[in-house]
N, C-alpha and C. Protein backbone atom coordinates (compact mmCIF):
# COMPACT_ATOMS: atom_id res chain seq x y z
N MET A 1 7.16 13.15 -76.10
CA MET A 1 7.03 13.15 -77.55
C MET A 1 7.42 14.53 -78.05
N SER A 2 8.24 14.57 -79.08
CA SER A 2 8.67 15.83 -79.67
C SER A 2 7.95 16.07 -80.98
N PHE A 3 7.79 17.33 -81.35
CA PHE A 3 7.05 17.69 -82.55
C PHE A 3 7.90 18.48 -83.51
N HIS A 4 7.72 18.23 -84.76
CA HIS A 4 8.37 18.99 -85.82
C HIS A 4 7.53 20.25 -86.05
N PRO A 5 8.14 21.40 -86.29
CA PRO A 5 7.39 22.66 -86.45
C PRO A 5 6.34 22.63 -87.55
N LEU A 6 6.51 21.81 -88.58
CA LEU A 6 5.54 21.77 -89.66
C LEU A 6 4.24 21.08 -89.27
N TYR A 7 4.25 20.33 -88.17
CA TYR A 7 3.10 19.52 -87.81
C TYR A 7 2.41 19.97 -86.53
N THR A 8 2.58 21.20 -86.13
CA THR A 8 1.96 21.65 -84.89
C THR A 8 0.45 21.78 -85.03
N ALA A 9 -0.08 22.02 -86.24
CA ALA A 9 -1.51 22.19 -86.44
C ALA A 9 -2.22 20.86 -86.72
N ARG A 10 -1.49 19.79 -87.00
CA ARG A 10 -2.08 18.50 -87.31
C ARG A 10 -2.12 17.62 -86.07
N SER A 11 -2.94 16.60 -86.13
CA SER A 11 -3.02 15.64 -85.03
C SER A 11 -1.92 14.59 -85.20
N VAL A 12 -0.86 14.76 -84.47
CA VAL A 12 0.31 13.87 -84.57
C VAL A 12 0.20 12.79 -83.51
N GLU A 13 0.25 11.53 -83.94
CA GLU A 13 0.20 10.40 -83.02
C GLU A 13 1.60 10.07 -82.48
N LYS A 14 2.56 10.02 -83.38
CA LYS A 14 3.96 9.75 -83.01
C LYS A 14 4.86 10.55 -83.93
N SER A 15 6.04 10.91 -83.41
CA SER A 15 7.05 11.56 -84.23
C SER A 15 8.40 11.32 -83.60
N GLY A 16 9.43 11.39 -84.41
CA GLY A 16 10.78 11.18 -83.89
C GLY A 16 11.74 10.85 -85.01
N TRP A 17 12.84 10.22 -84.65
CA TRP A 17 13.88 9.87 -85.61
C TRP A 17 13.80 8.38 -85.93
N LEU A 18 14.06 8.04 -87.20
CA LEU A 18 14.20 6.65 -87.60
C LEU A 18 15.43 6.52 -88.49
N ASN A 19 15.92 5.30 -88.61
CA ASN A 19 17.06 5.03 -89.50
C ASN A 19 16.54 4.31 -90.72
N LYS A 20 16.79 4.86 -91.90
CA LYS A 20 16.31 4.33 -93.17
C LYS A 20 17.50 3.94 -94.04
N TRP A 21 17.44 2.73 -94.61
CA TRP A 21 18.49 2.26 -95.50
C TRP A 21 18.41 3.02 -96.82
N THR A 22 19.54 3.45 -97.33
CA THR A 22 19.60 4.10 -98.63
C THR A 22 20.64 3.42 -99.49
N ASN A 23 20.26 3.08 -100.71
CA ASN A 23 21.21 2.46 -101.64
C ASN A 23 22.16 3.48 -102.23
N TYR A 24 21.75 4.74 -102.25
CA TYR A 24 22.57 5.80 -102.83
C TYR A 24 23.89 5.95 -102.08
N LEU A 25 23.82 5.97 -100.77
CA LEU A 25 25.03 6.11 -99.95
C LEU A 25 25.44 4.80 -99.29
N LYS A 26 24.71 3.73 -99.58
CA LYS A 26 25.02 2.39 -99.06
C LYS A 26 25.12 2.37 -97.54
N GLY A 27 24.08 2.81 -96.90
CA GLY A 27 24.06 2.77 -95.45
C GLY A 27 22.78 3.37 -94.91
N TYR A 28 22.70 3.45 -93.60
CA TYR A 28 21.52 4.01 -92.93
C TYR A 28 21.66 5.51 -92.77
N ARG A 29 20.55 6.22 -93.00
CA ARG A 29 20.48 7.67 -92.80
C ARG A 29 19.37 7.96 -91.82
N GLN A 30 19.60 8.94 -90.97
CA GLN A 30 18.59 9.32 -89.99
C GLN A 30 17.56 10.23 -90.64
N ARG A 31 16.28 9.92 -90.42
CA ARG A 31 15.17 10.70 -90.98
C ARG A 31 14.19 11.06 -89.87
N TRP A 32 13.60 12.24 -89.96
CA TRP A 32 12.54 12.66 -89.04
C TRP A 32 11.23 12.07 -89.57
N PHE A 33 10.44 11.40 -88.71
CA PHE A 33 9.17 10.85 -89.17
C PHE A 33 8.03 11.42 -88.36
N VAL A 34 6.85 11.41 -89.00
CA VAL A 34 5.61 11.84 -88.36
C VAL A 34 4.52 10.85 -88.75
N LEU A 35 3.85 10.29 -87.76
CA LEU A 35 2.70 9.43 -87.99
C LEU A 35 1.48 10.21 -87.52
N ASP A 36 0.56 10.53 -88.44
CA ASP A 36 -0.60 11.34 -88.05
C ASP A 36 -1.80 10.45 -87.71
N SER A 37 -2.89 11.08 -87.32
CA SER A 37 -4.08 10.35 -86.86
C SER A 37 -4.77 9.59 -87.99
N ASN A 38 -4.44 9.88 -89.24
CA ASN A 38 -4.99 9.14 -90.39
C ASN A 38 -4.11 7.97 -90.76
N ALA A 39 -3.14 7.63 -89.94
CA ALA A 39 -2.19 6.54 -90.17
C ALA A 39 -1.30 6.82 -91.40
N THR A 40 -1.02 8.07 -91.66
CA THR A 40 -0.12 8.45 -92.74
C THR A 40 1.27 8.66 -92.16
N LEU A 41 2.23 7.91 -92.66
CA LEU A 41 3.61 8.03 -92.22
C LEU A 41 4.37 8.92 -93.20
N SER A 42 4.94 10.00 -92.71
CA SER A 42 5.76 10.89 -93.52
C SER A 42 7.15 10.94 -92.94
N TYR A 43 8.16 11.02 -93.80
CA TYR A 43 9.52 11.18 -93.30
C TYR A 43 10.30 12.09 -94.21
N TYR A 44 11.33 12.72 -93.64
CA TYR A 44 12.08 13.77 -94.34
C TYR A 44 13.56 13.55 -94.20
């Protein structure tokens, strides 16, 4: 499991890359995601 530098102090359950559909560019874009121990999914 790899960690993003912003989440080293938090309890990270899962993290990695995901592909998200965007209507702006009409296709999939790769996003970094973090799922924390509170079941909060964040992506960038």
